[in-house]
Amino acid sequence: MRKSLFVLFFMSCMAISAQSTWIADHAHSSVRFTVTHLMISEVSGRFENFDIQAVADDTFSEPSFTASIETASITTNMNFRDNDLRSDHFFNAEVYPSIDFKSTAVAKTGDNTFTLSGDLTMHGVTKSIELNGKLNGIITDRRSQKLRAGLKFTTTLKRSDFGVGGSTAPVSDEVEVTINLEMAQQ
């Protein structure tokens, strides 16, 4: 009897900690950035095309993430500026078609907050970065009957760390990044 209870307990613990793949729902997710222009105003933009996946349990207690962002999909709602950002003056999208991230560690900082560490590769340069993460909530989707998780990540990057834009660019070296995700469990 004790052995049966132990086996039942062990199997229920395994089910609780089971990992699954989660994929960003593009209709409800965004990868945005803000820079200071001429040291007096802020200009925001976003990347239209990205693939962000996570492996996590049903509570997102220790997620791991991978992301690939298409550099040519950058948009600031101004064609001239967008073409300049895609050119070799900034992202050089033909040579470096993606910005890639792979998480390496997660550390809980509060009830629903955490720090996500990982390696970011941009413009041919790989650096370790940290993102501040917040789990906004988890629900069961009424249509699919699968879980959906809402997350927000923020960080500040330096363009110069990755060789993007050179030192004479009219925009700040610091770039504020905000990623809002609605992740669908697969």
Protein backbone atom coordinates (compact mmCIF):
# COMPACT_ATOMS: atom_id res chain seq x y z
CA MET A 1 0.00 0.00 0.00
CA ARG A 2 2.78 2.45 0.90
CA LYS A 3 4.56 1.61 -2.34
CA SER A 4 1.38 2.34 -4.33
CA LEU A 5 0.96 5.70 -2.60
CA PHE A 6 4.60 6.57 -3.29
CA VAL A 7 4.27 5.68 -6.98
CA LEU A 8 1.05 7.72 -7.24
CA PHE A 9 2.68 10.71 -5.51
CA PHE A 10 5.80 10.46 -7.71
CA MET A 11 3.73 10.31 -10.92
CA SER A 12 1.63 13.32 -9.88
CA CYS A 13 4.82 15.32 -9.18
CA MET A 14 6.16 14.41 -12.61
CA ALA A 15 2.91 15.55 -14.24
CA ILE A 16 3.05 18.88 -12.39
CA SER A 17 6.62 19.57 -13.49
CA ALA A 18 6.18 18.37 -17.07
CA GLN A 19 7.76 20.74 -19.56
CA SER A 20 6.07 21.77 -22.77
CA THR A 21 6.78 24.09 -25.67
CA TRP A 22 5.13 27.51 -25.79
CA ILE A 23 5.05 29.71 -28.92
CA ALA A 24 4.49 33.47 -29.15
CA ASP A 25 1.12 34.41 -30.63
CA HIS A 26 2.05 37.15 -33.15
CA ALA A 27 -1.38 38.77 -33.02
CA HIS A 28 -0.88 39.49 -29.32
CA SER A 29 2.90 39.90 -29.02
CA SER A 30 5.39 42.63 -29.88
CA VAL A 31 9.11 43.38 -29.91
CA ARG A 32 9.56 47.15 -29.47
CA PHE A 33 12.43 49.56 -28.87
CA THR A 34 12.93 53.22 -28.02
CA VAL A 35 15.97 55.43 -28.64
CA THR A 36 16.66 59.10 -27.93
CA HIS A 37 17.03 61.19 -31.09
CA LEU A 38 19.38 64.19 -31.02
CA MET A 39 19.30 63.91 -27.21
CA ILE A 40 15.91 65.66 -27.07
CA SER A 41 13.16 63.30 -28.20
CA GLU A 42 12.30 59.62 -28.21
CA VAL A 43 11.67 57.55 -31.30
CA SER A 44 10.07 54.13 -31.07
CA GLY A 45 9.99 51.23 -33.45
CA ARG A 46 9.31 47.52 -33.62
CA PHE A 47 10.26 44.35 -35.40
CA GLU A 48 7.38 42.79 -37.33
CA ASN A 49 8.79 39.28 -37.81
CA PHE A 50 10.05 37.17 -34.92
CA ASP A 51 9.96 33.62 -33.62
CA ILE A 52 9.96 33.32 -29.83
CA GLN A 53 9.60 29.99 -28.09
CA ALA A 54 9.77 28.86 -24.50
CA VAL A 55 10.05 25.53 -22.75
CA ALA A 56 8.28 25.69 -19.40
CA ASP A 57 5.97 23.88 -17.05
CA ASP A 58 2.32 24.88 -16.58
CA THR A 59 3.27 27.58 -14.05
CA PHE A 60 6.21 29.05 -16.00
CA SER A 61 8.33 28.58 -12.88
CA GLU A 62 11.68 28.07 -14.66
CA PRO A 63 11.27 28.88 -18.35
CA SER A 64 13.94 28.76 -21.01
CA PHE A 65 13.59 30.90 -24.13
CA THR A 66 14.91 31.08 -27.67
CA ALA A 67 14.19 33.97 -30.00
CA SER A 68 15.02 34.96 -33.54
CA ILE A 69 14.09 38.44 -34.77
CA GLU A 70 14.27 39.33 -38.47
CA THR A 71 16.33 42.54 -38.77
CA ALA A 72 14.81 43.49 -42.14
CA SER A 73 11.38 43.60 -40.48
CA ILE A 74 12.27 46.73 -38.50
CA THR A 75 9.73 49.54 -38.76
CA THR A 76 9.52 53.02 -37.28
CA ASN A 77 6.71 54.13 -39.63
CA MET A 78 9.11 56.15 -41.79
CA ASN A 79 10.44 54.44 -44.93
CA PHE A 80 13.62 56.52 -45.25
CA ARG A 81 14.64 55.84 -41.65
CA ASP A 82 13.67 52.15 -41.88
CA ASN A 83 15.80 51.67 -44.99
CA ASP A 84 18.73 53.37 -43.23
CA LEU A 85 18.29 51.06 -40.22
CA ARG A 86 18.33 48.01 -42.53
CA SER A 87 21.46 49.28 -44.33
CA ASP A 88 25.11 48.77 -43.40
CA HIS A 89 24.89 52.04 -41.40
CA PHE A 90 23.03 50.12 -38.68
CA PHE A 91 21.79 46.49 -38.78
CA ASN A 92 23.19 45.48 -42.19
CA ALA A 93 20.21 43.16 -42.62
CA GLU A 94 21.59 41.47 -45.74
CA VAL A 95 24.71 40.28 -43.89
CA TYR A 96 23.08 39.84 -40.45
CA PRO A 97 19.48 38.77 -41.15
CA SER A 98 18.55 37.98 -37.55
CA ILE A 99 19.00 38.92 -33.93
CA ASP A 100 19.13 35.74 -31.86
CA PHE A 101 18.70 35.05 -28.15
CA LYS A 102 19.09 31.90 -26.08
CA SER A 103 18.46 31.98 -22.35
CA THR A 104 21.04 30.49 -20.00
CA ALA A 105 19.53 31.07 -16.53
CA VAL A 106 16.45 32.34 -14.73
CA ALA A 107 16.33 33.79 -11.22
CA LYS A 108 13.10 34.53 -9.36
CA THR A 109 12.99 38.13 -8.03
CA GLY A 110 9.39 38.26 -6.73
CA ASP A 111 6.04 36.50 -6.80
CA ASN A 112 5.62 36.98 -10.55
CA THR A 113 8.94 38.58 -11.55
CA PHE A 114 12.28 37.13 -12.57
CA THR A 115 15.56 37.92 -14.28
CA LEU A 116 16.25 36.05 -17.51
CA SER A 117 19.93 35.79 -18.48
CA GLY A 118 21.09 34.72 -21.89
CA ASP A 119 23.26 35.21 -24.92
CA LEU A 120 22.19 37.80 -27.49
CA THR A 121 23.75 37.73 -30.96
CA MET A 122 23.30 40.90 -32.99
CA HIS A 123 25.34 42.25 -35.90
CA GLY A 124 27.71 39.26 -35.58
CA VAL A 125 28.50 39.96 -31.91
CA THR A 126 27.38 37.76 -29.01
CA LYS A 127 27.05 39.23 -25.51
CA SER A 128 25.46 38.04 -22.29
CA ILE A 129 22.46 40.15 -21.31
CA GLU A 130 19.78 40.21 -18.63
CA LEU A 131 16.09 40.89 -19.14
CA ASN A 132 13.67 41.82 -16.39
CA GLY A 133 10.71 39.49 -16.73
CA LYS A 134 7.17 39.58 -15.43
CA LEU A 135 4.61 36.81 -15.68
CA ASN A 136 1.31 38.67 -16.14
CA GLY A 137 -0.80 35.53 -15.78
CA ILE A 138 -1.76 32.13 -17.14
CA ILE A 139 -5.23 31.14 -18.36
CA THR A 140 -6.88 28.25 -20.16
CA ASP A 141 -7.88 29.27 -23.68
CA ARG A 142 -11.59 28.55 -24.13
CA ARG A 143 -11.20 27.49 -27.76
CA SER A 144 -8.09 25.30 -27.61
CA GLN A 145 -8.41 24.27 -23.95
CA LYS A 146 -4.65 24.78 -23.73
CA LEU A 147 -2.81 27.22 -21.52
CA ARG A 148 -1.80 30.75 -22.52
CA ALA A 149 0.72 32.84 -20.63
CA GLY A 150 1.25 36.60 -20.75
CA LEU A 151 4.77 37.90 -20.16
CA LYS A 152 6.63 41.18 -20.37
CA PHE A 153 10.40 41.64 -20.69
CA THR A 154 12.40 44.86 -20.49
CA THR A 155 16.08 45.64 -20.83
CA THR A 156 18.42 48.38 -21.95
CA LEU A 157 21.11 47.57 -24.52
CA LYS A 158 24.03 49.58 -25.81
CA ARG A 159 24.27 49.75 -29.62
CA SER A 160 28.04 50.15 -29.34
CA ASP A 161 28.37 46.78 -27.56
CA PHE A 162 27.17 45.15 -30.78
CA GLY A 163 28.71 47.53 -33.34
CA VAL A 164 25.33 48.83 -34.53
CA GLY A 165 25.14 52.38 -35.86
CA GLY A 166 28.66 53.60 -35.23
CA SER A 167 29.62 56.33 -32.78
CA THR A 168 28.36 59.29 -34.82
CA ALA A 169 24.75 58.18 -35.12
CA PRO A 170 22.20 60.86 -34.15
CA VAL A 171 20.50 58.41 -31.78
CA SER A 172 21.42 57.42 -28.24
CA ASP A 173 23.78 54.55 -27.58
CA GLU A 174 21.26 53.15 -25.10
CA VAL A 175 18.24 51.37 -26.54
CA GLU A 176 15.26 50.51 -24.35
CA VAL A 177 13.70 47.20 -25.36
CA THR A 178 10.22 46.00 -24.39
CA ILE A 179 8.88 42.59 -25.38
CA ASN A 180 5.25 41.75 -24.69
CA LEU A 181 4.32 38.12 -25.25
CA GLU A 182 1.22 36.01 -25.27
CA MET A 183 2.56 32.46 -25.33
CA ALA A 184 0.40 29.53 -26.45
CA GLN A 185 1.15 26.10 -25.00
CA GLN A 186 1.58 23.48 -27.70
